[in-house]
Amino acid sequence: ANLIWELVYPQESDAVDMTYFSDQAAYFLKYAESFNLTVPNRIVVFAGNPEDLTPWPEPVIVAQTAAYTGNYDEVLEPHTAPLITSQADADNRADAILTRYNANRLAGYAVVHHDAQVELFDKPQFLDVRDV
């Protein structure tokens, strides 16, 4: 049996599955989105303890994302990954965690008439020409 599975969710590069309009069919009733600040904005991963020793053996592998350079304070979040034993893998883990947080910055909601063709992980598009 093949026990490998993949989680798929809309990516920026995906084609749009359904378009809703404010001035023609298919109409949307309400749409709003907000672009939020990423918090935390810097990740540090401590790795290199596969035997789960206390205290952690030297040298501890420390990986971190680039320093935050935005307008607000840096918010650092530590993570432990004891099973990672290489610097490259620890760097990848730190970058992956921050990438996931950045992917969740855009939040929004839409109210549309019942539409059975739209599925949970489809990528919708909303074109609003009101108040333009």
N, C-alpha and C. Protein backbone atom coordinates (compact mmCIF):
# COMPACT_ATOMS: atom_id res chain seq x y z
N ALA A 1 0.84 -1.19 0.00
CA ALA A 1 0.00 0.00 0.00
C ALA A 1 0.88 1.24 0.00
N ASN A 2 0.49 2.20 -0.77
CA ASN A 2 1.21 3.47 -0.84
C ASN A 2 0.68 4.39 0.25
N LEU A 3 1.50 4.66 1.26
CA LEU A 3 1.06 5.45 2.41
C LEU A 3 1.50 6.90 2.31
N ILE A 4 1.90 7.35 1.15
CA ILE A 4 2.32 8.74 0.96
C ILE A 4 1.10 9.57 0.58
N TRP A 5 0.94 10.72 1.24
CA TRP A 5 -0.16 11.62 0.90
C TRP A 5 0.38 13.03 0.81
N GLU A 6 -0.38 13.88 0.17
CA GLU A 6 0.05 15.25 -0.07
C GLU A 6 -1.09 16.19 0.27
N LEU A 7 -0.78 17.24 1.01
CA LEU A 7 -1.77 18.26 1.34
C LEU A 7 -1.68 19.35 0.28
N VAL A 8 -2.79 19.64 -0.37
CA VAL A 8 -2.80 20.62 -1.45
C VAL A 8 -3.75 21.75 -1.06
N TYR A 9 -3.28 22.97 -1.17
CA TYR A 9 -4.11 24.14 -0.93
C TYR A 9 -3.73 25.20 -1.95
N PRO A 10 -4.57 26.20 -2.17
CA PRO A 10 -4.30 27.17 -3.24
C PRO A 10 -2.94 27.85 -3.09
N GLN A 11 -2.23 27.91 -4.19
CA GLN A 11 -0.95 28.60 -4.26
C GLN A 11 -1.12 29.84 -5.14
N GLU A 12 -0.21 30.77 -5.00
CA GLU A 12 -0.26 32.00 -5.80
C GLU A 12 -0.23 31.68 -7.29
N SER A 13 0.51 30.65 -7.67
CA SER A 13 0.68 30.31 -9.07
C SER A 13 -0.47 29.47 -9.65
N ASP A 14 -1.40 29.01 -8.82
CA ASP A 14 -2.51 28.18 -9.30
C ASP A 14 -3.46 28.99 -10.18
N ALA A 15 -4.08 28.29 -11.11
CA ALA A 15 -5.10 28.93 -11.94
C ALA A 15 -6.36 29.16 -11.11
N VAL A 16 -7.09 30.21 -11.45
CA VAL A 16 -8.33 30.53 -10.75
C VAL A 16 -9.39 29.52 -11.16
N ASP A 17 -10.11 28.96 -10.17
CA ASP A 17 -11.15 27.96 -10.43
C ASP A 17 -12.51 28.59 -10.68
N MET A 18 -12.79 29.72 -10.03
CA MET A 18 -14.11 30.36 -10.15
C MET A 18 -13.95 31.85 -9.93
N THR A 19 -14.64 32.65 -10.75
CA THR A 19 -14.59 34.11 -10.60
C THR A 19 -15.97 34.62 -10.26
N TYR A 20 -16.04 35.44 -9.22
CA TYR A 20 -17.28 36.09 -8.80
C TYR A 20 -17.15 37.59 -9.07
N PHE A 21 -18.28 38.21 -9.44
CA PHE A 21 -18.27 39.62 -9.82
C PHE A 21 -19.26 40.41 -8.98
N SER A 22 -19.03 41.73 -8.88
CA SER A 22 -19.99 42.59 -8.19
C SER A 22 -21.06 43.10 -9.15
N ASP A 23 -20.81 43.06 -10.46
CA ASP A 23 -21.73 43.67 -11.42
C ASP A 23 -22.28 42.71 -12.47
N GLN A 24 -21.97 41.44 -12.41
CA GLN A 24 -22.50 40.46 -13.37
C GLN A 24 -22.48 39.08 -12.74
N ALA A 25 -23.17 38.13 -13.37
CA ALA A 25 -23.21 36.77 -12.83
C ALA A 25 -21.83 36.14 -13.01
N ALA A 26 -21.35 35.36 -12.14
CA ALA A 26 -21.85 34.95 -10.85
C ALA A 26 -21.54 36.03 -9.81
N TYR A 27 -22.61 36.47 -9.13
CA TYR A 27 -22.48 37.58 -8.19
C TYR A 27 -21.94 37.11 -6.84
N PHE A 28 -21.24 38.01 -6.17
CA PHE A 28 -20.97 37.81 -4.75
C PHE A 28 -21.74 38.87 -3.99
N LEU A 29 -22.16 38.53 -2.78
CA LEU A 29 -22.93 39.45 -1.97
C LEU A 29 -22.04 40.33 -1.10
N LYS A 30 -20.97 39.75 -0.60
CA LYS A 30 -20.07 40.50 0.27
C LYS A 30 -18.69 39.87 0.18
N TYR A 31 -17.67 40.72 0.19
CA TYR A 31 -16.30 40.22 0.14
C TYR A 31 -15.41 41.19 0.89
N ALA A 32 -14.54 40.66 1.72
CA ALA A 32 -13.57 41.49 2.44
C ALA A 32 -12.31 40.68 2.67
N GLU A 33 -11.19 41.35 2.63
CA GLU A 33 -9.93 40.69 2.93
C GLU A 33 -9.03 41.67 3.65
N SER A 34 -8.11 41.13 4.41
CA SER A 34 -7.14 41.96 5.10
C SER A 34 -5.77 41.29 5.03
N PHE A 35 -4.76 42.11 4.94
CA PHE A 35 -3.39 41.64 4.88
C PHE A 35 -2.77 41.93 6.24
N ASN A 36 -2.52 40.88 7.01
CA ASN A 36 -2.07 41.03 8.38
C ASN A 36 -0.55 41.00 8.49
N LEU A 37 -0.08 41.54 9.59
CA LEU A 37 1.34 41.51 9.90
C LEU A 37 1.71 40.10 10.36
N THR A 38 2.85 39.60 9.91
CA THR A 38 3.29 38.27 10.34
C THR A 38 3.89 38.35 11.73
N VAL A 39 3.30 37.62 12.65
CA VAL A 39 3.83 37.53 14.02
C VAL A 39 3.83 36.06 14.38
N PRO A 40 4.94 35.47 14.72
CA PRO A 40 6.28 36.04 14.85
C PRO A 40 6.90 36.31 13.48
N ASN A 41 7.89 37.19 13.46
CA ASN A 41 8.52 37.55 12.19
C ASN A 41 9.98 37.08 12.10
N ARG A 42 10.41 36.31 13.08
CA ARG A 42 11.74 35.69 13.03
C ARG A 42 11.69 34.36 13.77
N ILE A 43 12.31 33.35 13.20
CA ILE A 43 12.27 31.99 13.74
C ILE A 43 13.69 31.52 14.06
N VAL A 44 13.85 30.89 15.22
CA VAL A 44 15.11 30.26 15.59
C VAL A 44 14.82 28.78 15.86
N VAL A 45 15.59 27.90 15.26
CA VAL A 45 15.43 26.45 15.45
C VAL A 45 16.69 25.92 16.14
N PHE A 46 16.47 25.21 17.24
CA PHE A 46 17.55 24.53 17.95
C PHE A 46 17.46 23.05 17.59
N ALA A 47 18.55 22.49 17.07
CA ALA A 47 18.53 21.11 16.58
C ALA A 47 19.79 20.39 17.05
N GLY A 48 19.82 19.08 16.80
CA GLY A 48 21.01 18.29 17.06
C GLY A 48 21.01 17.52 18.36
N ASN A 49 19.85 17.00 18.76
CA ASN A 49 19.78 16.19 19.98
C ASN A 49 18.92 14.95 19.73
N PRO A 50 19.34 14.07 18.81
CA PRO A 50 18.50 12.93 18.47
C PRO A 50 18.31 11.92 19.60
N GLU A 51 19.22 11.91 20.58
CA GLU A 51 19.08 10.97 21.71
C GLU A 51 18.26 11.56 22.85
N ASP A 52 17.77 12.77 22.69
CA ASP A 52 16.94 13.45 23.70
C ASP A 52 17.66 13.57 25.04
N LEU A 53 18.91 14.01 24.99
CA LEU A 53 19.73 14.16 26.19
C LEU A 53 19.41 15.47 26.91
N THR A 54 19.58 15.47 28.23
CA THR A 54 19.41 16.68 29.02
C THR A 54 20.66 16.87 29.86
N PRO A 55 21.37 17.97 29.76
CA PRO A 55 21.19 19.07 28.82
C PRO A 55 21.59 18.66 27.40
N TRP A 56 21.23 19.51 26.45
CA TRP A 56 21.54 19.20 25.06
C TRP A 56 23.04 19.11 24.86
N PRO A 57 23.49 18.15 24.06
CA PRO A 57 24.94 18.00 23.83
C PRO A 57 25.49 19.15 22.98
N GLU A 58 26.75 19.46 23.22
CA GLU A 58 27.44 20.47 22.41
C GLU A 58 27.97 19.80 21.15
N PRO A 59 28.03 20.44 20.03
CA PRO A 59 27.49 21.76 19.77
C PRO A 59 26.00 21.68 19.42
N VAL A 60 25.24 22.63 19.89
CA VAL A 60 23.82 22.72 19.53
C VAL A 60 23.74 23.38 18.16
N ILE A 61 22.97 22.80 17.26
CA ILE A 61 22.79 23.39 15.93
C ILE A 61 21.73 24.48 16.06
N VAL A 62 22.09 25.69 15.68
CA VAL A 62 21.17 26.82 15.77
C VAL A 62 20.98 27.38 14.37
N ALA A 63 19.73 27.44 13.93
CA ALA A 63 19.39 28.02 12.63
C ALA A 63 18.38 29.12 12.85
N GLN A 64 18.51 30.19 12.10
CA GLN A 64 17.56 31.28 12.25
C GLN A 64 17.30 31.95 10.91
N THR A 65 16.13 32.53 10.80
CA THR A 65 15.79 33.27 9.60
C THR A 65 16.48 34.63 9.65
N ALA A 66 16.47 35.33 8.55
CA ALA A 66 17.11 36.65 8.49
C ALA A 66 16.46 37.60 9.49
N ALA A 67 17.22 38.56 9.94
CA ALA A 67 16.71 39.54 10.90
C ALA A 67 15.55 40.32 10.29
N TYR A 68 14.55 40.61 11.11
CA TYR A 68 13.38 41.37 10.68
C TYR A 68 13.79 42.81 10.42
N THR A 69 13.36 43.37 9.29
CA THR A 69 13.73 44.73 8.93
C THR A 69 12.52 45.62 8.70
N GLY A 70 11.36 45.24 9.20
CA GLY A 70 10.15 46.02 8.99
C GLY A 70 10.03 47.21 9.92
N ASN A 71 8.84 47.78 9.96
CA ASN A 71 8.58 48.98 10.74
C ASN A 71 8.29 48.71 12.21
N TYR A 72 8.10 47.47 12.59
CA TYR A 72 7.68 47.15 13.95
C TYR A 72 8.77 46.35 14.66
N ASP A 73 8.52 45.99 15.89
CA ASP A 73 9.50 45.23 16.67
C ASP A 73 9.64 43.80 16.14
N GLU A 74 10.83 43.28 16.33
CA GLU A 74 11.07 41.89 15.97
C GLU A 74 10.44 40.99 17.03
N VAL A 75 9.69 39.98 16.57
CA VAL A 75 9.09 39.00 17.47
C VAL A 75 9.69 37.65 17.12
N LEU A 76 10.51 37.15 18.02
CA LEU A 76 11.25 35.92 17.78
C LEU A 76 10.50 34.74 18.39
N GLU A 77 10.44 33.63 17.65
CA GLU A 77 9.80 32.42 18.16
C GLU A 77 10.78 31.26 18.08
N PRO A 78 11.13 30.66 19.21
CA PRO A 78 12.04 29.51 19.19
C PRO A 78 11.30 28.20 18.90
N HIS A 79 11.97 27.30 18.20
CA HIS A 79 11.45 25.96 17.93
C HIS A 79 12.57 24.96 18.21
N THR A 80 12.18 23.78 18.66
CA THR A 80 13.16 22.71 18.82
C THR A 80 12.89 21.63 17.79
N ALA A 81 13.95 21.10 17.25
CA ALA A 81 13.87 20.01 16.28
C ALA A 81 15.02 19.06 16.58
N PRO A 82 14.92 18.29 17.65
CA PRO A 82 16.05 17.47 18.09
C PRO A 82 16.50 16.41 17.09
N LEU A 83 15.62 15.95 16.22
CA LEU A 83 16.00 14.89 15.29
C LEU A 83 16.77 15.41 14.08
N ILE A 84 16.79 16.71 13.87
CA ILE A 84 17.57 17.29 12.77
C ILE A 84 19.03 17.32 13.20
N THR A 85 19.91 16.80 12.35
CA THR A 85 21.33 16.70 12.72
C THR A 85 22.26 17.43 11.77
N SER A 86 21.73 18.23 10.85
CA SER A 86 22.61 18.99 9.95
C SER A 86 22.17 20.46 9.93
N GLN A 87 23.13 21.32 9.72
CA GLN A 87 22.86 22.76 9.68
C GLN A 87 21.92 23.10 8.53
N ALA A 88 22.12 22.48 7.37
CA ALA A 88 21.28 22.78 6.20
C ALA A 88 19.82 22.42 6.47
N ASP A 89 19.58 21.27 7.09
CA ASP A 89 18.21 20.88 7.41
C ASP A 89 17.59 21.81 8.44
N ALA A 90 18.38 22.25 9.41
CA ALA A 90 17.87 23.18 10.41
C ALA A 90 17.53 24.52 9.77
N ASP A 91 18.38 24.99 8.86
CA ASP A 91 18.09 26.24 8.14
C ASP A 91 16.80 26.11 7.34
N ASN A 92 16.64 24.96 6.67
CA ASN A 92 15.41 24.73 5.89
C ASN A 92 14.18 24.72 6.79
N ARG A 93 14.29 24.13 7.98
CA ARG A 93 13.15 24.09 8.90
C ARG A 93 12.76 25.50 9.33
N ALA A 94 13.74 26.33 9.69
CA ALA A 94 13.45 27.70 10.09
C ALA A 94 12.78 28.47 8.96
N ASP A 95 13.31 28.34 7.75
CA ASP A 95 12.71 29.03 6.60
C ASP A 95 11.31 28.52 6.31
N ALA A 96 11.09 27.22 6.44
CA ALA A 96 9.76 26.64 6.17
C ALA A 96 8.73 27.13 7.18
N ILE A 97 9.11 27.24 8.43
CA ILE A 97 8.17 27.72 9.45
C ILE A 97 7.78 29.16 9.16
N LEU A 98 8.76 30.01 8.85
CA LEU A 98 8.45 31.41 8.55
C LEU A 98 7.64 31.54 7.26
N THR A 99 7.94 30.71 6.28
CA THR A 99 7.16 30.72 5.03
C THR A 99 5.71 30.37 5.30
N ARG A 100 5.47 29.41 6.17
CA ARG A 100 4.09 29.05 6.51
C ARG A 100 3.37 30.20 7.20
N TYR A 101 4.05 30.86 8.13
CA TYR A 101 3.43 32.02 8.79
C TYR A 101 3.13 33.12 7.77
N ASN A 102 4.06 33.37 6.85
CA ASN A 102 3.83 34.40 5.83
C ASN A 102 2.67 34.05 4.91
N ALA A 103 2.48 32.77 4.65
CA ALA A 103 1.37 32.34 3.78
C ALA A 103 0.02 32.60 4.42
N ASN A 104 -0.02 32.72 5.73
CA ASN A 104 -1.28 32.95 6.44
C ASN A 104 -1.57 34.42 6.67
N ARG A 105 -0.81 35.33 6.05
CA ARG A 105 -1.02 36.76 6.27
C ARG A 105 -2.32 37.27 5.66
N LEU A 106 -2.71 36.73 4.53
CA LEU A 106 -3.92 37.20 3.86
C LEU A 106 -5.12 36.45 4.40
N ALA A 107 -6.03 37.18 4.99
CA ALA A 107 -7.26 36.58 5.51
C ALA A 107 -8.44 37.29 4.87
N GLY A 108 -9.50 36.56 4.64
CA GLY A 108 -10.67 37.17 4.03
C GLY A 108 -11.87 36.26 4.09
N TYR A 109 -13.00 36.81 3.69
CA TYR A 109 -14.21 36.02 3.62
C TYR A 109 -15.08 36.53 2.48
N ALA A 110 -15.97 35.68 2.03
CA ALA A 110 -16.89 36.04 0.96
C ALA A 110 -18.24 35.42 1.24
N VAL A 111 -19.27 36.13 0.85
CA VAL A 111 -20.63 35.61 0.92
C VAL A 111 -21.15 35.54 -0.51
N VAL A 112 -21.45 34.32 -0.95
CA VAL A 112 -21.95 34.10 -2.31
C VAL A 112 -23.22 33.26 -2.23
N HIS A 113 -24.00 33.30 -3.30
CA HIS A 113 -25.15 32.41 -3.38
C HIS A 113 -24.64 30.97 -3.41
N HIS A 114 -25.49 30.04 -3.02
CA HIS A 114 -25.08 28.63 -3.01
C HIS A 114 -24.54 28.26 -4.38
N ASP A 115 -23.37 27.66 -4.38
CA ASP A 115 -22.72 27.28 -5.62
C ASP A 115 -22.08 25.91 -5.41
N ALA A 116 -22.68 24.87 -5.95
CA ALA A 116 -22.23 23.50 -5.72
C ALA A 116 -20.95 23.15 -6.47
N GLN A 117 -20.55 23.99 -7.42
CA GLN A 117 -19.35 23.63 -8.19
C GLN A 117 -18.05 24.01 -7.49
N VAL A 118 -18.11 24.85 -6.47
CA VAL A 118 -16.89 25.28 -5.77
C VAL A 118 -16.55 24.26 -4.69
N GLU A 119 -15.30 23.85 -4.66
CA GLU A 119 -14.84 22.88 -3.68
C GLU A 119 -13.97 23.58 -2.64
N LEU A 120 -13.69 22.88 -1.55
CA LEU A 120 -13.02 23.47 -0.40
C LEU A 120 -11.70 24.14 -0.74
N PHE A 121 -10.85 23.50 -1.53
CA PHE A 121 -9.53 24.05 -1.78
C PHE A 121 -9.41 24.67 -3.17
N ASP A 122 -10.52 25.05 -3.78
CA ASP A 122 -10.48 25.79 -5.03
C ASP A 122 -9.94 27.19 -4.78
N LYS A 123 -9.46 27.80 -5.83
CA LYS A 123 -8.95 29.17 -5.73
C LYS A 123 -9.96 30.11 -6.39
N PRO A 124 -10.76 30.82 -5.60
CA PRO A 124 -11.72 31.76 -6.18
C PRO A 124 -11.06 33.12 -6.42
N GLN A 125 -11.70 33.89 -7.30
CA GLN A 125 -11.27 35.26 -7.57
C GLN A 125 -12.49 36.15 -7.44
N PHE A 126 -12.32 37.35 -6.87
CA PHE A 126 -13.42 38.28 -6.67
C PHE A 126 -13.08 39.59 -7.35
N LEU A 127 -13.94 40.00 -8.31
CA LEU A 127 -13.73 41.26 -9.02
C LEU A 127 -14.82 42.24 -8.60
N ASP A 128 -14.41 43.28 -7.90
CA ASP A 128 -15.34 44.26 -7.34
C ASP A 128 -15.15 45.59 -8.04
N VAL A 129 -16.17 46.05 -8.78
CA VAL A 129 -16.08 47.34 -9.48
C VAL A 129 -16.89 48.42 -8.78
N ARG A 130 -17.44 48.11 -7.61
CA ARG A 130 -18.17 49.12 -6.85
C ARG A 130 -17.19 50.12 -6.26
N ASP A 131 -17.58 51.36 -6.20
CA ASP A 131 -16.76 52.43 -5.59
C ASP A 131 -15.38 52.53 -6.22
N VAL A 132 -15.30 52.31 -7.53
CA VAL A 132 -14.00 52.43 -8.19
C VAL A 132 -13.85 53.82 -8.76
